[in-house]
Amino acid sequence: MNEITNIRNEFPILEHKIQLSSCSQSALHKNVKSSINQYINSWENDGMDWELWMEVCEDARKKFAQLINAKPSEVAIVSSVSHAISSVAVSLQVEGEKNELLVAENDFPCIGHVALSQNDKNVKFVDYARKNSLQENISENTLLVSVPHVSFYNGAINNIADTVRLAKENNSLVFVDAYQSAGQLDIDVKEMDVDFLAAGMQKYLLGIPGIAFLYVKEEVAEKMTPKITGWFGQENPFSFDGKNVTYANGAIRFDSGTFPMINGFAASSALEILLKIGVKNIEKYLQELSSFTLEYSQQQNLHIASPLDPKKKGSNTAIYVPNANELEAALKKENILLSARNDVIRIAPHFYNTKEEIIRAIDTIVRFT
């Protein structure tokens, strides 16, 4: 991470704006823009190029699998984390009293929305940050435990290891929402031993909305019958046989309709960038920036909503402010891009950001509040 100047030159927006909003949307890399243009050019000049488009999307699947230490056959291409959790939740088979879904109170609302839409299942919201909450709530009736790796609200990192251990003791499955962690924290699904993990591209993965990936552990996927699927979820999509269902192997059976091809081009390029730099290197640098943000915010007497231990949080440092949305708009006029949520403004650097940018952002927050 010593070549910060060279890195920053790859993100044109940084020449005139401070973008510290990776918890919402990361900055655009030149290569990602070029990959989007590659799709546009193929469409404009060739009309269509299905072989190329499919190849690029499959390449994105392979790169995401590499990023999380999974097999490509354990990764489905979906449109969003909402799509991913819907595919999982609706396909889970209730067995007797084992019909309970545990949802983290600090997860993104779409997880709760999907859980509550399952009429054959009971939903319980759990404050995982509270001591002993997992022990008190996971039981033999728990079908699925859903937990965010990193909270969208304040960047708190949840203890996945304890969640998995208690879930396995009760023969329960574990779904991890990694939208706020993929690209900033090193993820190894085999080491974590989770059953499902989903992440979209637009935040720390440097991509755009409209494409996400769903990891399903191989042995779990083979036992599931998807209730949300499509022609790409079949063993041979191009047989064009609508009268028979022959699911693809592994998680690919959770593919649905035609891939969002332009998003796939962006995803493949973005994932290539992250793999080249190495997420472990990014994580180390972001922990340094996270520590600095906490220290400088405290020096300026700001009220911090995030954990004060940098090892217990991701890149995102959330600061309580009155009228967070108004502050976000005011900062934008100063060419400082942060992201508001409820009663906090979030400072969420990525590997292309600097301490100097964080200082300017915090100083401006102080000036406006």
Protein backbone atom coordinates (compact mmCIF):
# COMPACT_ATOMS: atom_id res chain seq x y z
CA MET A 1 0.00 0.00 0.00
CA ASN A 2 3.05 2.32 -0.32
CA GLU A 3 2.24 3.35 -3.91
CA ILE A 4 -0.80 5.38 -2.90
CA THR A 5 -0.19 8.10 -5.50
CA ASN A 6 -0.15 5.59 -8.35
CA ILE A 7 -3.25 3.92 -6.96
CA ARG A 8 -5.13 7.21 -6.68
CA ASN A 9 -4.34 8.07 -10.31
CA GLU A 10 -6.50 5.10 -11.33
CA PHE A 11 -9.61 6.75 -9.80
CA PRO A 12 -10.32 9.97 -11.75
CA ILE A 13 -12.87 11.35 -9.28
CA LEU A 14 -10.15 11.72 -6.64
CA GLU A 15 -8.62 14.57 -8.63
CA HIS A 16 -11.47 16.87 -7.60
CA LYS A 17 -13.51 15.11 -4.89
CA ILE A 18 -12.97 13.25 -1.64
CA GLN A 19 -14.93 10.02 -1.89
CA LEU A 20 -15.17 8.30 1.50
CA SER A 21 -18.42 6.48 0.80
CA SER A 22 -17.40 2.89 0.11
CA CYS A 23 -20.06 1.64 2.53
CA SER A 24 -22.52 2.90 -0.11
CA GLN A 25 -20.63 3.24 -3.41
CA SER A 26 -16.92 3.03 -4.08
CA ALA A 27 -15.06 5.25 -6.53
CA LEU A 28 -14.86 4.30 -10.21
CA HIS A 29 -11.59 2.74 -11.35
CA LYS A 30 -10.40 3.43 -14.90
CA ASN A 31 -10.34 -0.28 -15.70
CA VAL A 32 -13.91 -0.76 -14.56
CA LYS A 33 -15.02 2.08 -16.82
CA SER A 34 -13.08 0.51 -19.70
CA SER A 35 -14.75 -2.84 -19.12
CA ILE A 36 -18.20 -1.22 -19.21
CA ASN A 37 -17.22 0.46 -22.48
CA GLN A 38 -16.04 -2.90 -23.80
CA TYR A 39 -19.56 -4.24 -23.38
CA ILE A 40 -21.05 -1.11 -24.99
CA ASN A 41 -18.66 -1.41 -27.93
CA SER A 42 -19.46 -5.08 -28.48
CA TRP A 43 -23.16 -4.26 -28.44
CA GLU A 44 -22.73 -1.25 -30.72
CA ASN A 45 -20.38 -2.88 -33.24
CA ASP A 46 -21.36 -6.55 -33.16
CA GLY A 47 -25.03 -6.32 -32.22
CA MET A 48 -24.58 -9.18 -29.78
CA ASP A 49 -21.76 -11.42 -28.67
CA TRP A 50 -23.25 -14.03 -26.37
CA GLU A 51 -20.08 -16.09 -26.17
CA LEU A 52 -18.01 -13.12 -24.99
CA TRP A 53 -20.70 -11.87 -22.61
CA MET A 54 -21.14 -15.29 -21.01
CA GLU A 55 -17.38 -15.77 -20.78
CA VAL A 56 -16.91 -12.48 -18.92
CA CYS A 57 -19.73 -13.21 -16.45
CA GLU A 58 -18.37 -16.67 -15.79
CA ASP A 59 -14.97 -15.08 -15.26
CA ALA A 60 -16.53 -12.80 -12.64
CA ARG A 61 -18.00 -15.86 -10.91
CA LYS A 62 -14.57 -17.52 -10.82
CA LYS A 63 -12.88 -14.40 -9.46
CA PHE A 64 -15.45 -13.95 -6.70
CA ALA A 65 -15.01 -17.61 -5.80
CA GLN A 66 -11.24 -17.06 -5.61
CA LEU A 67 -11.76 -13.98 -3.45
CA ILE A 68 -13.65 -15.99 -0.79
CA ASN A 69 -11.79 -19.32 -1.25
CA ALA A 70 -14.71 -21.21 -2.78
CA LYS A 71 -15.20 -23.36 -5.86
CA PRO A 72 -16.84 -21.58 -8.82
CA SER A 73 -19.58 -24.22 -8.69
CA GLU A 74 -20.40 -22.99 -5.16
CA VAL A 75 -21.20 -19.48 -6.40
CA ALA A 76 -24.45 -18.31 -8.00
CA ILE A 77 -24.82 -15.06 -9.91
CA VAL A 78 -27.76 -13.07 -8.56
CA SER A 79 -28.95 -9.49 -8.84
CA SER A 80 -28.65 -8.37 -5.20
CA VAL A 81 -28.36 -9.58 -1.62
CA SER A 82 -32.16 -9.32 -1.43
CA HIS A 83 -32.31 -11.78 -4.33
CA ALA A 84 -29.78 -14.02 -2.59
CA ILE A 85 -31.52 -14.21 0.79
CA SER A 86 -34.90 -14.64 -0.95
CA SER A 87 -33.54 -17.59 -2.92
CA VAL A 88 -32.26 -19.19 0.27
CA ALA A 89 -35.19 -18.45 2.56
CA VAL A 90 -37.94 -19.62 0.23
CA SER A 91 -36.05 -22.83 -0.58
CA LEU A 92 -35.48 -23.93 3.03
CA GLN A 93 -37.59 -26.91 4.02
CA VAL A 94 -39.36 -26.71 7.37
CA GLU A 95 -39.15 -29.95 9.36
CA GLY A 96 -41.58 -30.13 12.26
CA GLU A 97 -40.78 -27.50 14.87
CA LYS A 98 -37.51 -26.55 13.13
CA ASN A 99 -38.96 -23.48 11.47
CA GLU A 100 -37.26 -20.50 13.09
CA LEU A 101 -35.27 -17.79 11.32
CA LEU A 102 -32.92 -15.69 13.45
CA VAL A 103 -32.20 -12.25 12.03
CA ALA A 104 -29.64 -9.79 13.37
CA GLU A 105 -31.09 -6.45 14.47
CA ASN A 106 -28.09 -4.66 12.96
CA ASP A 107 -28.38 -6.24 9.52
CA PHE A 108 -29.62 -4.38 6.48
CA PRO A 109 -33.46 -4.21 6.47
CA CYS A 110 -33.87 -6.41 3.38
CA ILE A 111 -32.90 -9.47 5.43
CA GLY A 112 -35.75 -8.84 7.87
CA HIS A 113 -38.16 -8.05 5.05
CA VAL A 114 -37.44 -11.36 3.35
CA ALA A 115 -37.59 -13.34 6.60
CA LEU A 116 -40.94 -11.84 7.55
CA SER A 117 -42.37 -12.74 4.13
CA GLN A 118 -41.90 -16.46 4.84
CA ASN A 119 -45.35 -17.45 6.10
CA ASP A 120 -44.28 -20.99 7.03
CA LYS A 121 -41.48 -19.80 9.31
CA ASN A 122 -41.16 -17.97 12.61
CA VAL A 123 -38.87 -14.95 12.75
CA LYS A 124 -36.91 -13.72 15.74
CA PHE A 125 -34.79 -10.56 15.74
CA VAL A 126 -31.63 -10.84 17.82
CA ASP A 127 -29.18 -8.25 19.13
CA TYR A 128 -25.96 -10.14 18.46
CA ALA A 129 -23.92 -7.40 20.13
CA ARG A 130 -25.50 -8.18 23.48
CA LYS A 131 -23.57 -10.70 25.57
CA ASN A 132 -25.00 -14.23 25.54
CA SER A 133 -27.72 -13.28 23.01
CA LEU A 134 -26.67 -16.08 20.65
CA GLN A 135 -26.64 -18.69 23.41
CA GLU A 136 -30.08 -17.55 24.51
CA ASN A 137 -31.68 -17.59 21.07
CA ILE A 138 -30.19 -20.38 18.94
CA SER A 139 -32.03 -23.61 19.69
CA GLU A 140 -32.97 -26.94 18.15
CA ASN A 141 -35.88 -25.09 16.50
CA THR A 142 -33.54 -22.72 14.64
CA LEU A 143 -33.55 -23.42 10.91
CA LEU A 144 -31.34 -20.54 9.77
CA VAL A 145 -29.21 -17.92 11.50
CA SER A 146 -28.59 -14.77 9.45
CA VAL A 147 -25.75 -12.51 10.53
CA PRO A 148 -24.01 -9.54 8.87
CA HIS A 149 -20.24 -9.85 8.74
CA VAL A 150 -20.02 -6.07 9.14
CA SER A 151 -22.90 -3.79 10.14
CA PHE A 152 -24.02 -1.30 7.48
CA TYR A 153 -24.92 1.18 10.23
CA ASN A 154 -21.78 1.49 12.35
CA GLY A 155 -19.24 -0.90 10.85
CA ALA A 156 -19.23 -3.31 13.80
CA ILE A 157 -17.75 -6.73 12.99
CA ASN A 158 -19.85 -9.65 14.20
CA ASN A 159 -18.35 -12.81 15.66
CA ILE A 160 -18.98 -15.31 12.85
CA ALA A 161 -17.03 -18.09 14.56
CA ASP A 162 -19.28 -18.13 17.64
CA THR A 163 -22.38 -17.94 15.46
CA VAL A 164 -21.28 -20.93 13.39
CA ARG A 165 -20.29 -22.97 16.44
CA LEU A 166 -23.63 -22.49 18.19
CA ALA A 167 -25.55 -23.04 14.96
CA LYS A 168 -23.76 -26.33 14.27
CA GLU A 169 -24.47 -27.51 17.82
CA ASN A 170 -28.17 -27.11 17.00
CA ASN A 171 -28.00 -28.43 13.42
CA SER A 172 -28.86 -24.95 12.09
CA LEU A 173 -27.67 -23.27 8.89
CA VAL A 174 -25.79 -19.96 8.75
CA PHE A 175 -26.27 -17.16 6.21
CA VAL A 176 -23.71 -14.33 6.18
CA ASP A 177 -24.46 -10.95 4.63
CA ALA A 178 -20.99 -9.88 3.48
CA TYR A 179 -22.02 -6.83 1.47
CA GLN A 180 -20.18 -4.50 3.88
CA SER A 181 -17.13 -6.74 4.31
CA ALA A 182 -16.26 -8.24 0.91
CA GLY A 183 -13.37 -6.28 -0.53
CA GLN A 184 -12.23 -4.76 2.75
CA LEU A 185 -11.90 -7.83 5.00
CA ASP A 186 -10.26 -11.10 4.02
CA ILE A 187 -12.96 -13.79 3.67
CA ASP A 188 -12.37 -17.54 3.67
CA VAL A 189 -15.68 -19.38 3.59
CA LYS A 190 -14.01 -22.72 4.21
CA GLU A 191 -12.32 -21.46 7.34
CA MET A 192 -15.52 -19.71 8.46
CA ASP A 193 -17.52 -22.89 7.71
CA VAL A 194 -20.65 -20.92 6.79
CA ASP A 195 -23.42 -22.43 4.67
CA PHE A 196 -24.36 -19.31 2.70
CA LEU A 197 -22.64 -15.99 2.04
CA ALA A 198 -23.78 -13.16 -0.22
CA ALA A 199 -22.22 -9.92 -1.38
CA GLY A 200 -22.98 -7.33 -4.03
CA MET A 201 -20.45 -5.42 -6.08
CA GLN A 202 -21.13 -1.71 -5.56
CA LYS A 203 -19.49 -1.13 -2.19
CA TYR A 204 -15.96 -2.29 -1.32
CA LEU A 205 -15.88 -4.58 -4.38
CA LEU A 206 -15.51 -1.52 -6.67
CA GLY A 207 -18.42 -2.42 -8.94
CA ILE A 208 -21.95 -1.28 -9.69
CA PRO A 209 -25.43 -2.26 -8.50
CA GLY A 210 -27.37 -4.99 -10.28
CA ILE A 211 -25.05 -7.93 -9.71
CA ALA A 212 -24.22 -9.93 -6.60
CA PHE A 213 -22.93 -13.38 -5.74
CA LEU A 214 -24.36 -16.10 -3.52
CA TYR A 215 -22.05 -18.73 -2.05
CA VAL A 216 -23.71 -22.01 -1.09
CA LYS A 217 -21.61 -24.73 0.48
CA GLU A 218 -21.42 -27.62 -1.97
CA GLU A 219 -22.99 -30.28 0.25
CA VAL A 220 -25.78 -27.90 1.26
CA ALA A 221 -26.58 -26.84 -2.30
CA GLU A 222 -26.95 -30.42 -3.53
CA LYS A 223 -29.68 -31.06 -0.93
CA MET A 224 -31.71 -27.97 -1.86
CA THR A 225 -34.38 -27.51 -4.49
CA PRO A 226 -34.44 -23.85 -5.54
CA LYS A 227 -37.81 -22.14 -5.54
CA ILE A 228 -36.25 -19.15 -7.28
CA THR A 229 -34.36 -20.24 -10.37
CA GLY A 230 -34.47 -19.86 -14.15
CA TRP A 231 -33.03 -21.10 -17.39
CA PHE A 232 -29.46 -20.31 -16.32
CA GLY A 233 -30.00 -22.47 -13.23
CA GLN A 234 -30.40 -25.56 -15.39
CA GLU A 235 -27.78 -28.14 -16.26
CA ASN A 236 -28.02 -27.19 -19.94
CA PRO A 237 -29.66 -23.77 -20.38
CA PHE A 238 -29.27 -23.82 -24.13
CA SER A 239 -31.33 -26.96 -24.58
CA PHE A 240 -34.33 -24.60 -24.40
CA ASP A 241 -36.44 -27.29 -22.77
CA GLY A 242 -39.16 -25.62 -20.73
CA LYS A 243 -41.00 -28.86 -19.92
CA ASN A 244 -38.28 -30.42 -17.78
CA VAL A 245 -36.26 -29.21 -14.83
CA THR A 246 -32.72 -30.50 -14.48
CA TYR A 247 -30.89 -28.32 -11.99
CA ALA A 248 -27.25 -27.46 -12.46
CA ASN A 249 -24.73 -28.80 -9.97
CA GLY A 250 -23.99 -26.93 -6.76
CA ALA A 251 -24.93 -23.33 -6.21
CA ILE A 252 -25.29 -22.68 -9.94
CA ARG A 253 -28.83 -24.07 -9.64
CA PHE A 254 -29.59 -20.73 -7.92
CA ASP A 255 -28.71 -18.77 -11.07
CA SER A 256 -31.94 -17.43 -12.50
CA GLY A 257 -32.45 -15.45 -15.71
CA THR A 258 -30.00 -14.00 -18.19
CA PHE A 259 -27.00 -12.49 -16.43
CA PRO A 260 -26.81 -8.68 -16.13
CA MET A 261 -24.08 -8.67 -18.76
CA ILE A 262 -22.85 -5.07 -18.46
CA ASN A 263 -22.66 -5.50 -14.68
CA GLY A 264 -20.70 -8.69 -15.21
CA PHE A 265 -18.10 -6.83 -17.26
CA ALA A 266 -17.71 -4.29 -14.45
CA ALA A 267 -17.56 -7.06 -11.83
CA SER A 268 -14.88 -9.05 -13.61
CA SER A 269 -12.64 -5.99 -13.94
CA ALA A 270 -13.23 -4.83 -10.36
CA LEU A 271 -12.51 -8.23 -8.87
CA GLU A 272 -9.31 -8.46 -10.91
CA ILE A 273 -8.11 -5.21 -9.30
CA LEU A 274 -8.81 -6.47 -5.77
CA LEU A 275 -7.20 -9.85 -6.38
CA LYS A 276 -4.08 -8.18 -7.76
CA ILE A 277 -3.69 -5.90 -4.72
CA GLY A 278 -4.76 -8.58 -2.24
CA VAL A 279 -7.56 -8.10 0.27
CA LYS A 280 -5.21 -8.93 3.15
CA ASN A 281 -3.13 -5.89 2.17
CA ILE A 282 -6.25 -3.76 1.86
CA GLU A 283 -7.49 -4.92 5.26
CA LYS A 284 -4.20 -3.97 6.91
CA TYR A 285 -4.22 -0.50 5.37
CA LEU A 286 -7.88 0.12 6.22
CA GLN A 287 -7.33 -0.84 9.84
CA GLU A 288 -4.68 1.90 9.95
CA LEU A 289 -7.13 4.41 8.47
CA SER A 290 -9.88 3.18 10.80
CA SER A 291 -7.69 3.72 13.87
CA PHE A 292 -6.76 7.18 12.66
CA THR A 293 -10.41 8.11 12.01
CA LEU A 294 -11.40 7.05 15.52
CA GLU A 295 -8.53 8.98 17.10
CA TYR A 296 -9.08 12.17 15.12
CA SER A 297 -12.86 12.08 15.62
CA GLN A 298 -12.37 11.79 19.37
CA GLN A 299 -9.90 14.68 19.33
CA GLN A 300 -12.61 16.75 17.67
CA ASN A 301 -15.15 15.67 20.34
CA LEU A 302 -17.43 13.92 17.85
CA HIS A 303 -19.93 11.36 19.14
CA ILE A 304 -18.94 8.02 17.62
CA ALA A 305 -21.53 5.28 17.00
CA SER A 306 -18.98 2.66 15.94
CA PRO A 307 -16.96 0.39 18.24
CA LEU A 308 -13.97 2.29 19.61
CA ASP A 309 -11.68 -0.71 19.16
CA PRO A 310 -10.51 -0.68 15.51
CA LYS A 311 -10.18 -4.49 15.57
CA LYS A 312 -13.93 -4.74 16.22
CA LYS A 313 -14.97 -2.61 13.26
CA GLY A 314 -14.46 -2.38 9.54
CA SER A 315 -13.59 0.67 7.47
CA ASN A 316 -16.85 2.46 8.30
CA THR A 317 -16.74 4.90 11.21
CA ALA A 318 -20.22 6.21 12.01
CA ILE A 319 -20.65 9.55 13.74
CA TYR A 320 -23.88 10.70 15.38
CA VAL A 321 -25.03 13.98 13.88
CA PRO A 322 -28.31 15.91 13.79
CA ASN A 323 -29.95 15.89 10.35
CA ALA A 324 -27.55 13.37 8.81
CA ASN A 325 -29.10 13.57 5.33
CA GLU A 326 -28.81 17.36 5.30
CA LEU A 327 -25.18 17.10 6.36
CA GLU A 328 -24.49 14.62 3.55
CA ALA A 329 -25.91 17.12 1.05
CA ALA A 330 -23.89 19.99 2.55
CA LEU A 331 -20.68 17.98 2.41
CA LYS A 332 -21.34 17.10 -1.22
CA LYS A 333 -21.32 20.81 -2.06
CA GLU A 334 -17.83 20.87 -0.53
CA ASN A 335 -16.81 17.97 -2.84
CA ILE A 336 -16.74 15.55 0.09
CA LEU A 337 -18.77 12.38 -0.46
CA LEU A 338 -19.94 10.61 2.70
CA SER A 339 -23.02 8.50 3.29
CA ALA A 340 -25.78 9.14 5.84
CA ARG A 341 -27.93 6.47 7.51
CA ASN A 342 -30.61 7.42 10.01
CA ASP A 343 -28.82 9.48 12.69
CA VAL A 344 -25.22 8.95 11.57
CA ILE A 345 -22.84 10.11 8.88
CA ARG A 346 -20.45 7.36 7.78
CA ILE A 347 -16.77 7.83 6.93
CA ALA A 348 -15.84 4.73 4.93
CA PRO A 349 -12.43 4.86 3.25
CA HIS A 350 -11.05 2.33 0.81
CA PHE A 351 -7.47 1.52 -0.20
CA TYR A 352 -7.26 4.64 -2.40
CA ASN A 353 -8.03 7.08 0.42
CA THR A 354 -5.60 8.97 2.67
CA LYS A 355 -5.44 10.34 6.21
CA GLU A 356 -5.39 13.86 4.77
CA GLU A 357 -8.80 13.26 3.17
CA ILE A 358 -10.17 11.95 6.45
CA ILE A 359 -8.89 15.03 8.30
CA ARG A 360 -10.60 17.34 5.81
CA ALA A 361 -13.86 15.40 6.02
CA ILE A 362 -13.91 15.44 9.82
CA ASP A 363 -12.93 19.11 10.00
CA THR A 364 -15.81 19.93 7.66
CA ILE A 365 -18.25 17.87 9.74
CA VAL A 366 -17.15 19.84 12.81
CA ARG A 367 -17.62 23.11 10.94
CA PHE A 368 -21.16 22.22 9.89
CA THR A 369 -22.23 20.82 13.24
